[in-house]
C-alpha cells in the first residue's frame, strides 16, 4: 500500500469550496445534507462541500487502511456500513444512545463531536473501494472505507476510530 504524508499538497488553501461537487463514489449533495441535518439539531451552521477536502479524503481512502490520516483536518472514518448515509448515522448515534461524561465510562464521542463542531465550515468525503479489503489492526474487512475530512478540525486530542 502506498504511504500518504502530510505535505503542502494536503495543506493547500481550502477556499475554493463548492456545494455540489460530485466525486466518483460519493453523492456529495446527500452526504452534505445528512451532515447538515444533524448539525441543525445542535444549532451548528451548515457545512459547505470542499473539493480539496474531498481529494484529501479520497487520497487517504484509496490506501485502504482503517486508521486516521496524518492530515491536519478533522476526520471521521468508518467501515462495515452499506452506504455513506448509514455511516454518518452511526457517527451521530452516540448522542442519542449513550451518556457522555459518566465517570468510568469508556465511550468516545469523537465522531459525534466532529460531526457537530461549531467552528467547522467545510466538508469533503470519499469512499475507498478496496478489492483486496480494508486493512486494520487484526485483519482485513472485505468492504468499503468511508472517510470524511473537516475544516476547521474539531476536538483533535484523543481521536479514536
N, C-alpha and C. Protein backbone atom coordinates (compact mmCIF):
# COMPACT_ATOMS: atom_id res chain seq x y z
N UNK A 1 0.83 -1.18 0.00
CA UNK A 1 0.00 0.00 0.00
C UNK A 1 0.87 1.25 0.00
N UNK A 2 0.44 2.23 -0.73
CA UNK A 2 1.19 3.49 -0.78
C UNK A 2 1.02 4.24 0.53
N UNK A 3 2.03 5.01 0.83
CA UNK A 3 2.00 5.80 2.06
C UNK A 3 1.65 7.24 1.71
N UNK A 4 0.80 7.87 2.50
CA UNK A 4 0.44 9.27 2.32
C UNK A 4 1.12 10.07 3.41
N UNK A 5 1.77 11.15 3.05
CA UNK A 5 2.41 12.02 4.03
C UNK A 5 1.74 13.38 4.02
N UNK A 6 1.70 14.02 5.17
CA UNK A 6 1.14 15.38 5.25
C UNK A 6 2.13 16.31 4.58
N UNK A 7 1.76 16.80 3.42
CA UNK A 7 2.64 17.68 2.65
C UNK A 7 1.92 18.97 2.37
N UNK A 8 2.61 19.87 1.70
CA UNK A 8 1.98 21.11 1.28
C UNK A 8 0.74 20.84 0.45
N UNK A 9 0.76 19.75 -0.32
CA UNK A 9 -0.39 19.39 -1.13
C UNK A 9 -1.63 19.19 -0.26
N UNK A 10 -1.46 18.53 0.87
CA UNK A 10 -2.60 18.27 1.76
C UNK A 10 -3.01 19.51 2.54
N UNK A 11 -2.11 20.47 2.66
CA UNK A 11 -2.40 21.67 3.44
C UNK A 11 -2.79 22.86 2.58
N UNK A 12 -3.10 22.61 1.33
CA UNK A 12 -3.42 23.70 0.40
C UNK A 12 -4.62 24.51 0.86
N UNK A 13 -4.79 25.64 0.26
CA UNK A 13 -5.89 26.55 0.57
C UNK A 13 -7.22 25.86 0.28
N UNK A 14 -8.13 25.90 1.22
CA UNK A 14 -9.43 25.24 1.07
C UNK A 14 -10.53 26.22 0.65
N UNK A 15 -10.15 27.42 0.22
CA UNK A 15 -11.15 28.45 -0.03
C UNK A 15 -11.97 28.20 -1.29
N UNK A 16 -11.59 27.26 -2.14
CA UNK A 16 -12.36 27.03 -3.35
C UNK A 16 -13.43 25.96 -3.14
N UNK A 17 -14.06 26.01 -2.00
CA UNK A 17 -15.11 25.03 -1.66
C UNK A 17 -16.30 25.19 -2.60
N UNK A 18 -16.93 24.06 -2.94
CA UNK A 18 -18.12 24.05 -3.77
C UNK A 18 -19.17 23.16 -3.12
N UNK A 19 -20.43 23.55 -3.26
CA UNK A 19 -21.51 22.80 -2.62
C UNK A 19 -21.86 21.51 -3.35
N UNK A 20 -21.84 21.49 -4.66
CA UNK A 20 -22.42 20.36 -5.35
C UNK A 20 -21.40 19.54 -6.14
N UNK A 21 -20.13 19.61 -5.80
CA UNK A 21 -19.13 18.80 -6.47
C UNK A 21 -19.40 17.32 -6.19
N UNK A 22 -19.47 16.52 -7.22
CA UNK A 22 -19.70 15.09 -7.06
C UNK A 22 -18.43 14.35 -7.44
N UNK A 23 -17.97 13.47 -6.56
CA UNK A 23 -16.81 12.66 -6.88
C UNK A 23 -17.27 11.29 -7.35
N UNK A 24 -16.34 10.42 -7.67
CA UNK A 24 -16.71 9.17 -8.34
C UNK A 24 -17.52 8.20 -7.50
N UNK A 25 -17.42 8.22 -6.19
CA UNK A 25 -18.14 7.24 -5.38
C UNK A 25 -19.13 7.86 -4.40
N UNK A 26 -19.07 9.16 -4.20
CA UNK A 26 -19.86 9.81 -3.15
C UNK A 26 -20.90 10.73 -3.76
N UNK A 27 -22.13 10.63 -3.26
CA UNK A 27 -23.15 11.62 -3.59
C UNK A 27 -22.92 12.79 -2.65
N UNK A 28 -22.21 13.80 -3.14
CA UNK A 28 -21.82 14.94 -2.30
C UNK A 28 -23.03 15.64 -1.72
N UNK A 29 -24.09 15.81 -2.50
CA UNK A 29 -25.27 16.52 -2.00
C UNK A 29 -25.94 15.75 -0.86
N UNK A 30 -26.08 14.44 -1.01
CA UNK A 30 -26.72 13.64 0.05
C UNK A 30 -25.84 13.59 1.29
N UNK A 31 -24.53 13.47 1.10
CA UNK A 31 -23.60 13.42 2.23
C UNK A 31 -23.62 14.73 2.99
N UNK A 32 -23.59 15.83 2.27
CA UNK A 32 -23.65 17.16 2.88
C UNK A 32 -24.99 17.37 3.59
N UNK A 33 -26.07 16.97 2.95
CA UNK A 33 -27.41 17.13 3.55
C UNK A 33 -27.52 16.34 4.86
N UNK A 34 -26.97 15.12 4.90
CA UNK A 34 -27.06 14.30 6.10
C UNK A 34 -26.28 14.94 7.24
N UNK A 35 -25.06 15.42 6.94
CA UNK A 35 -24.28 16.14 7.95
C UNK A 35 -25.05 17.36 8.47
N UNK A 36 -25.58 18.14 7.54
CA UNK A 36 -26.25 19.39 7.94
C UNK A 36 -27.55 19.14 8.69
N UNK A 37 -28.23 18.03 8.42
CA UNK A 37 -29.42 17.68 9.19
C UNK A 37 -29.06 17.50 10.67
N UNK A 38 -27.98 16.76 10.94
CA UNK A 38 -27.56 16.54 12.31
C UNK A 38 -27.01 17.82 12.94
N UNK A 39 -26.29 18.60 12.18
CA UNK A 39 -25.73 19.85 12.71
C UNK A 39 -26.85 20.81 13.12
N UNK A 40 -27.92 20.86 12.35
CA UNK A 40 -29.04 21.75 12.65
C UNK A 40 -29.67 21.43 14.01
N UNK A 41 -29.64 20.16 14.41
CA UNK A 41 -30.19 19.77 15.71
C UNK A 41 -29.42 20.39 16.87
N UNK A 42 -28.22 20.88 16.60
CA UNK A 42 -27.36 21.46 17.64
C UNK A 42 -27.01 22.92 17.34
N UNK A 43 -27.81 23.54 16.51
CA UNK A 43 -27.63 24.94 16.11
C UNK A 43 -26.25 25.20 15.52
N UNK A 44 -25.65 24.19 14.90
CA UNK A 44 -24.36 24.35 14.21
C UNK A 44 -24.66 24.81 12.79
N UNK A 45 -23.89 25.76 12.29
CA UNK A 45 -24.13 26.25 10.92
C UNK A 45 -23.89 25.15 9.89
N UNK A 46 -24.56 25.25 8.75
CA UNK A 46 -24.39 24.23 7.71
C UNK A 46 -22.97 24.23 7.14
N UNK A 47 -22.55 23.05 6.72
CA UNK A 47 -21.24 22.90 6.09
C UNK A 47 -21.35 23.18 4.59
N UNK A 48 -20.21 23.45 3.98
CA UNK A 48 -20.08 23.62 2.54
C UNK A 48 -19.13 22.55 2.03
N UNK A 49 -19.44 22.00 0.86
CA UNK A 49 -18.58 20.97 0.27
C UNK A 49 -17.27 21.58 -0.20
N UNK A 50 -16.18 20.90 0.07
CA UNK A 50 -14.84 21.35 -0.32
C UNK A 50 -14.19 20.30 -1.21
N UNK A 51 -13.89 20.68 -2.44
CA UNK A 51 -13.21 19.78 -3.37
C UNK A 51 -11.82 19.40 -2.87
N UNK A 52 -11.02 20.32 -2.33
CA UNK A 52 -9.71 19.91 -1.79
C UNK A 52 -9.83 18.92 -0.63
N UNK A 53 -10.83 19.09 0.24
CA UNK A 53 -11.01 18.12 1.33
C UNK A 53 -11.47 16.78 0.78
N UNK A 54 -12.32 16.79 -0.23
CA UNK A 54 -12.75 15.55 -0.86
C UNK A 54 -11.55 14.84 -1.46
N UNK A 55 -10.65 15.58 -2.08
CA UNK A 55 -9.44 14.99 -2.67
C UNK A 55 -8.56 14.38 -1.58
N UNK A 56 -8.39 15.08 -0.47
CA UNK A 56 -7.60 14.54 0.64
C UNK A 56 -8.25 13.26 1.18
N UNK A 57 -9.57 13.28 1.32
CA UNK A 57 -10.29 12.10 1.79
C UNK A 57 -10.12 10.93 0.83
N UNK A 58 -10.19 11.23 -0.48
CA UNK A 58 -10.03 10.16 -1.47
C UNK A 58 -8.60 9.61 -1.45
N UNK A 59 -7.62 10.50 -1.33
CA UNK A 59 -6.23 10.06 -1.25
C UNK A 59 -6.04 9.09 -0.09
N UNK A 60 -6.65 9.41 1.05
CA UNK A 60 -6.50 8.54 2.21
C UNK A 60 -7.32 7.25 2.06
N UNK A 61 -8.55 7.37 1.60
CA UNK A 61 -9.42 6.20 1.46
C UNK A 61 -8.83 5.19 0.48
N UNK A 62 -8.15 5.67 -0.55
CA UNK A 62 -7.57 4.78 -1.55
C UNK A 62 -6.43 3.92 -0.99
N UNK A 63 -5.91 4.28 0.17
CA UNK A 63 -4.89 3.45 0.82
C UNK A 63 -5.47 2.17 1.41
N UNK A 64 -6.77 2.18 1.68
CA UNK A 64 -7.47 1.00 2.21
C UNK A 64 -6.93 0.57 3.58
N UNK A 65 -6.54 1.52 4.39
CA UNK A 65 -6.12 1.26 5.78
C UNK A 65 -7.11 1.94 6.71
N UNK A 66 -7.64 1.20 7.67
CA UNK A 66 -8.57 1.76 8.64
C UNK A 66 -7.79 2.36 9.81
N UNK A 67 -7.30 3.55 9.58
CA UNK A 67 -6.62 4.33 10.61
C UNK A 67 -6.69 5.79 10.18
N UNK A 68 -6.51 6.68 11.14
CA UNK A 68 -6.59 8.10 10.82
C UNK A 68 -5.38 8.55 10.02
N UNK A 69 -5.63 9.51 9.15
CA UNK A 69 -4.58 10.07 8.30
C UNK A 69 -3.71 11.04 9.12
N UNK A 70 -2.57 11.42 8.56
CA UNK A 70 -1.74 12.44 9.20
C UNK A 70 -2.15 13.86 8.82
N UNK A 71 -3.23 14.01 8.07
CA UNK A 71 -3.65 15.32 7.59
C UNK A 71 -4.05 16.23 8.75
N UNK A 72 -3.93 17.53 8.55
CA UNK A 72 -4.21 18.48 9.64
C UNK A 72 -5.70 18.82 9.80
N UNK A 73 -6.57 18.00 9.27
CA UNK A 73 -8.00 18.27 9.30
C UNK A 73 -8.67 17.45 10.39
N UNK A 74 -9.91 17.77 10.68
CA UNK A 74 -10.73 16.88 11.47
C UNK A 74 -11.09 15.71 10.58
N UNK A 75 -11.36 14.56 11.18
CA UNK A 75 -11.57 13.38 10.34
C UNK A 75 -12.46 12.36 11.04
N UNK A 76 -13.38 11.80 10.27
CA UNK A 76 -14.14 10.64 10.71
C UNK A 76 -13.90 9.54 9.69
N UNK A 77 -13.70 8.31 10.17
CA UNK A 77 -13.54 7.17 9.29
C UNK A 77 -14.49 6.07 9.73
N UNK A 78 -14.88 5.24 8.79
CA UNK A 78 -15.77 4.14 9.13
C UNK A 78 -15.67 3.03 8.12
N UNK A 79 -16.07 1.85 8.54
CA UNK A 79 -16.17 0.69 7.64
C UNK A 79 -17.27 -0.21 8.17
N UNK A 80 -17.70 -1.14 7.35
CA UNK A 80 -18.73 -2.07 7.79
C UNK A 80 -20.14 -1.55 7.61
N UNK A 81 -20.32 -0.53 6.80
CA UNK A 81 -21.64 0.06 6.56
C UNK A 81 -21.97 -0.02 5.08
N UNK A 82 -23.24 -0.11 4.73
CA UNK A 82 -23.62 -0.25 3.32
C UNK A 82 -23.63 1.05 2.52
N UNK A 83 -23.63 2.21 3.20
CA UNK A 83 -23.71 3.49 2.47
C UNK A 83 -23.18 4.61 3.35
N UNK A 84 -22.93 5.76 2.71
CA UNK A 84 -22.47 6.91 3.49
C UNK A 84 -23.54 7.40 4.44
N UNK A 85 -24.78 7.34 4.04
CA UNK A 85 -25.87 7.77 4.93
C UNK A 85 -25.84 6.97 6.22
N UNK A 86 -25.66 5.67 6.11
CA UNK A 86 -25.65 4.80 7.29
C UNK A 86 -24.42 5.07 8.15
N UNK A 87 -23.26 5.29 7.55
CA UNK A 87 -22.06 5.56 8.35
C UNK A 87 -22.19 6.90 9.08
N UNK A 88 -22.76 7.90 8.44
CA UNK A 88 -22.98 9.20 9.11
C UNK A 88 -23.95 9.03 10.27
N UNK A 89 -24.99 8.24 10.07
CA UNK A 89 -25.92 7.95 11.16
C UNK A 89 -25.19 7.28 12.33
N UNK A 90 -24.28 6.38 12.02
CA UNK A 90 -23.51 5.70 13.08
C UNK A 90 -22.61 6.68 13.82
N UNK A 91 -22.04 7.65 13.13
CA UNK A 91 -21.21 8.66 13.79
C UNK A 91 -22.04 9.51 14.73
N UNK A 92 -23.31 9.68 14.41
CA UNK A 92 -24.18 10.52 15.23
C UNK A 92 -24.81 9.75 16.39
N UNK A 93 -25.02 8.45 16.26
CA UNK A 93 -25.70 7.62 17.27
C UNK A 93 -25.27 7.88 18.71
N UNK A 94 -23.97 8.10 19.01
CA UNK A 94 -23.59 8.23 20.42
C UNK A 94 -24.40 9.24 21.21
N UNK A 95 -24.76 10.36 20.63
CA UNK A 95 -25.51 11.35 21.39
C UNK A 95 -26.91 10.86 21.71
N UNK A 96 -27.46 9.98 20.88
CA UNK A 96 -28.82 9.51 21.09
C UNK A 96 -28.92 8.30 22.01
N UNK A 97 -27.81 7.53 22.13
CA UNK A 97 -27.94 6.29 22.90
C UNK A 97 -27.02 6.19 24.10
N UNK A 98 -26.12 7.11 24.25
CA UNK A 98 -25.12 6.95 25.29
C UNK A 98 -25.02 8.19 26.16
N UNK A 99 -24.71 7.99 27.42
CA UNK A 99 -24.49 9.10 28.34
C UNK A 99 -23.00 9.42 28.36
N UNK A 100 -22.68 10.63 27.97
CA UNK A 100 -21.28 11.06 27.92
C UNK A 100 -20.93 11.75 29.23
N UNK A 101 -19.73 11.52 29.72
CA UNK A 101 -19.27 12.22 30.91
C UNK A 101 -19.51 11.49 32.22
N UNK A 102 -19.95 10.26 32.15
CA UNK A 102 -20.16 9.49 33.37
C UNK A 102 -18.82 8.90 33.79
N UNK A 103 -18.38 9.12 35.03
CA UNK A 103 -17.10 8.57 35.48
C UNK A 103 -17.01 7.07 35.24
N UNK A 104 -15.86 6.63 34.71
CA UNK A 104 -15.64 5.22 34.45
C UNK A 104 -16.16 4.73 33.11
N UNK A 105 -16.90 5.58 32.38
CA UNK A 105 -17.44 5.18 31.10
C UNK A 105 -16.35 5.29 30.04
N UNK A 106 -16.26 4.32 29.14
CA UNK A 106 -15.22 4.32 28.12
C UNK A 106 -15.70 4.86 26.78
N UNK A 107 -16.92 5.30 26.68
CA UNK A 107 -17.47 5.81 25.43
C UNK A 107 -16.63 6.97 24.89
N UNK A 108 -16.35 6.94 23.59
CA UNK A 108 -15.61 8.02 22.93
C UNK A 108 -16.55 8.72 21.96
N UNK A 109 -16.78 9.99 22.15
CA UNK A 109 -17.72 10.76 21.34
C UNK A 109 -17.03 11.53 20.21
N UNK A 110 -15.83 11.12 19.82
CA UNK A 110 -15.08 11.84 18.80
C UNK A 110 -15.78 12.00 17.48
N UNK A 111 -16.44 10.96 17.00
CA UNK A 111 -17.15 11.07 15.73
C UNK A 111 -18.27 12.10 15.83
N UNK A 112 -19.03 11.99 16.91
CA UNK A 112 -20.15 12.92 17.11
C UNK A 112 -19.66 14.37 17.22
N UNK A 113 -18.63 14.61 18.04
CA UNK A 113 -18.19 15.99 18.23
C UNK A 113 -17.68 16.60 16.93
N UNK A 114 -16.99 15.81 16.10
CA UNK A 114 -16.53 16.37 14.82
C UNK A 114 -17.71 16.67 13.92
N UNK A 115 -18.71 15.82 13.93
CA UNK A 115 -19.89 16.00 13.09
C UNK A 115 -20.60 17.32 13.38
N UNK A 116 -20.68 17.72 14.65
CA UNK A 116 -21.44 18.91 15.02
C UNK A 116 -20.57 20.06 15.52
N UNK A 117 -19.25 19.98 15.36
CA UNK A 117 -18.33 21.01 15.84
C UNK A 117 -18.72 22.37 15.25
N UNK A 118 -18.97 23.36 16.09
CA UNK A 118 -19.49 24.65 15.64
C UNK A 118 -18.57 25.40 14.69
N UNK A 119 -17.27 25.34 14.90
CA UNK A 119 -16.33 26.09 14.07
C UNK A 119 -16.03 25.43 12.73
N UNK A 120 -16.45 24.20 12.55
CA UNK A 120 -16.22 23.51 11.28
C UNK A 120 -17.13 24.11 10.22
N UNK A 121 -16.56 24.40 9.04
CA UNK A 121 -17.34 25.01 7.96
C UNK A 121 -17.27 24.24 6.65
N UNK A 122 -16.22 23.42 6.47
CA UNK A 122 -16.02 22.72 5.20
C UNK A 122 -15.98 21.21 5.39
N UNK A 123 -16.46 20.49 4.38
CA UNK A 123 -16.54 19.04 4.41
C UNK A 123 -16.14 18.47 3.06
N UNK A 124 -15.40 17.38 3.09
CA UNK A 124 -15.11 16.60 1.89
C UNK A 124 -15.02 15.14 2.28
N UNK A 125 -15.71 14.28 1.55
CA UNK A 125 -15.76 12.86 1.90
C UNK A 125 -15.46 12.01 0.68
N UNK A 126 -15.05 10.78 0.96
CA UNK A 126 -14.73 9.84 -0.12
C UNK A 126 -14.91 8.42 0.38
N UNK A 127 -14.99 7.51 -0.58
CA UNK A 127 -15.09 6.09 -0.29
C UNK A 127 -13.91 5.39 -0.94
N UNK A 128 -13.22 4.59 -0.15
CA UNK A 128 -12.19 3.72 -0.69
C UNK A 128 -12.83 2.40 -1.06
N UNK A 129 -12.84 2.10 -2.36
CA UNK A 129 -13.34 0.82 -2.83
C UNK A 129 -12.11 -0.08 -2.94
N UNK A 130 -12.03 -1.04 -2.05
CA UNK A 130 -10.80 -1.80 -1.83
C UNK A 130 -11.01 -3.27 -2.20
N UNK A 131 -10.66 -3.66 -3.44
CA UNK A 131 -10.88 -5.04 -3.87
C UNK A 131 -10.20 -6.08 -2.98
N UNK A 132 -9.04 -5.74 -2.41
CA UNK A 132 -8.34 -6.66 -1.52
C UNK A 132 -8.78 -6.54 -0.07
N UNK A 133 -9.71 -5.63 0.21
CA UNK A 133 -10.20 -5.43 1.56
C UNK A 133 -9.59 -4.21 2.23
N UNK A 134 -10.19 -3.80 3.32
CA UNK A 134 -9.72 -2.69 4.15
C UNK A 134 -8.90 -3.31 5.28
N UNK A 135 -7.65 -2.92 5.38
CA UNK A 135 -6.76 -3.46 6.40
C UNK A 135 -6.91 -2.69 7.70
N UNK A 136 -6.89 -3.40 8.80
CA UNK A 136 -6.94 -2.80 10.13
C UNK A 136 -6.15 -3.69 11.06
N UNK A 137 -5.83 -3.18 12.23
CA UNK A 137 -5.10 -3.98 13.20
C UNK A 137 -5.93 -5.22 13.51
N UNK A 138 -5.41 -6.36 13.17
CA UNK A 138 -6.12 -7.60 13.47
C UNK A 138 -6.74 -8.27 12.27
N UNK A 139 -6.71 -7.64 11.10
CA UNK A 139 -7.29 -8.35 9.97
C UNK A 139 -7.61 -7.49 8.78
N UNK A 140 -8.54 -8.03 7.97
CA UNK A 140 -8.96 -7.37 6.74
C UNK A 140 -10.49 -7.41 6.69
N UNK A 141 -11.09 -6.27 6.36
CA UNK A 141 -12.54 -6.18 6.19
C UNK A 141 -12.82 -6.14 4.69
N UNK A 142 -13.64 -7.04 4.19
CA UNK A 142 -13.97 -7.05 2.77
C UNK A 142 -15.15 -6.12 2.53
N UNK A 143 -14.84 -4.85 2.42
CA UNK A 143 -15.87 -3.84 2.22
C UNK A 143 -15.24 -2.52 1.87
N UNK A 144 -15.98 -1.45 2.06
CA UNK A 144 -15.55 -0.10 1.71
C UNK A 144 -15.04 0.65 2.93
N UNK A 145 -14.16 1.62 2.67
CA UNK A 145 -13.65 2.51 3.70
C UNK A 145 -14.25 3.90 3.47
N UNK A 146 -14.90 4.44 4.47
CA UNK A 146 -15.54 5.76 4.38
C UNK A 146 -14.68 6.77 5.13
N UNK A 147 -14.37 7.90 4.48
CA UNK A 147 -13.52 8.93 5.09
C UNK A 147 -14.16 10.29 4.85
N UNK A 148 -14.27 11.09 5.92
CA UNK A 148 -14.67 12.49 5.79
C UNK A 148 -13.60 13.35 6.44
N UNK A 149 -13.22 14.41 5.75
CA UNK A 149 -12.27 15.40 6.27
C UNK A 149 -13.06 16.69 6.53
N UNK A 150 -12.70 17.36 7.64
CA UNK A 150 -13.42 18.56 8.08
C UNK A 150 -12.43 19.69 8.34
N UNK A 151 -12.83 20.91 7.99
CA UNK A 151 -12.05 22.09 8.34
C UNK A 151 -13.04 23.15 8.79
N UNK A 152 -12.81 23.68 9.84
CA UNK A 152 -11.78 23.63 10.86
C UNK A 152 -11.96 22.34 11.65
N UNK A 153 -10.82 21.74 12.03
CA UNK A 153 -10.88 20.49 12.79
C UNK A 153 -11.56 20.72 14.13
N UNK A 154 -12.31 19.71 14.55
CA UNK A 154 -12.90 19.73 15.88
C UNK A 154 -11.87 19.30 16.91
N UNK A 155 -12.35 18.77 17.98
CA UNK A 155 -11.51 18.32 19.08
C UNK A 155 -10.57 17.23 18.56
N UNK A 156 -9.26 17.49 18.53
CA UNK A 156 -8.31 16.55 17.94
C UNK A 156 -7.65 15.64 18.99
N UNK A 157 -7.54 16.06 20.19
CA UNK A 157 -6.88 15.22 21.21
C UNK A 157 -7.69 13.98 21.45
N UNK A 158 -7.04 12.85 21.48
CA UNK A 158 -7.72 11.60 21.79
C UNK A 158 -8.61 11.09 20.69
N UNK A 159 -8.35 11.48 19.43
CA UNK A 159 -9.17 10.98 18.34
C UNK A 159 -9.12 9.46 18.33
N UNK A 160 -10.25 8.85 18.10
CA UNK A 160 -10.30 7.39 18.05
C UNK A 160 -11.21 6.97 16.93
N UNK A 161 -11.05 5.75 16.50
CA UNK A 161 -11.89 5.20 15.45
C UNK A 161 -13.24 4.86 16.00
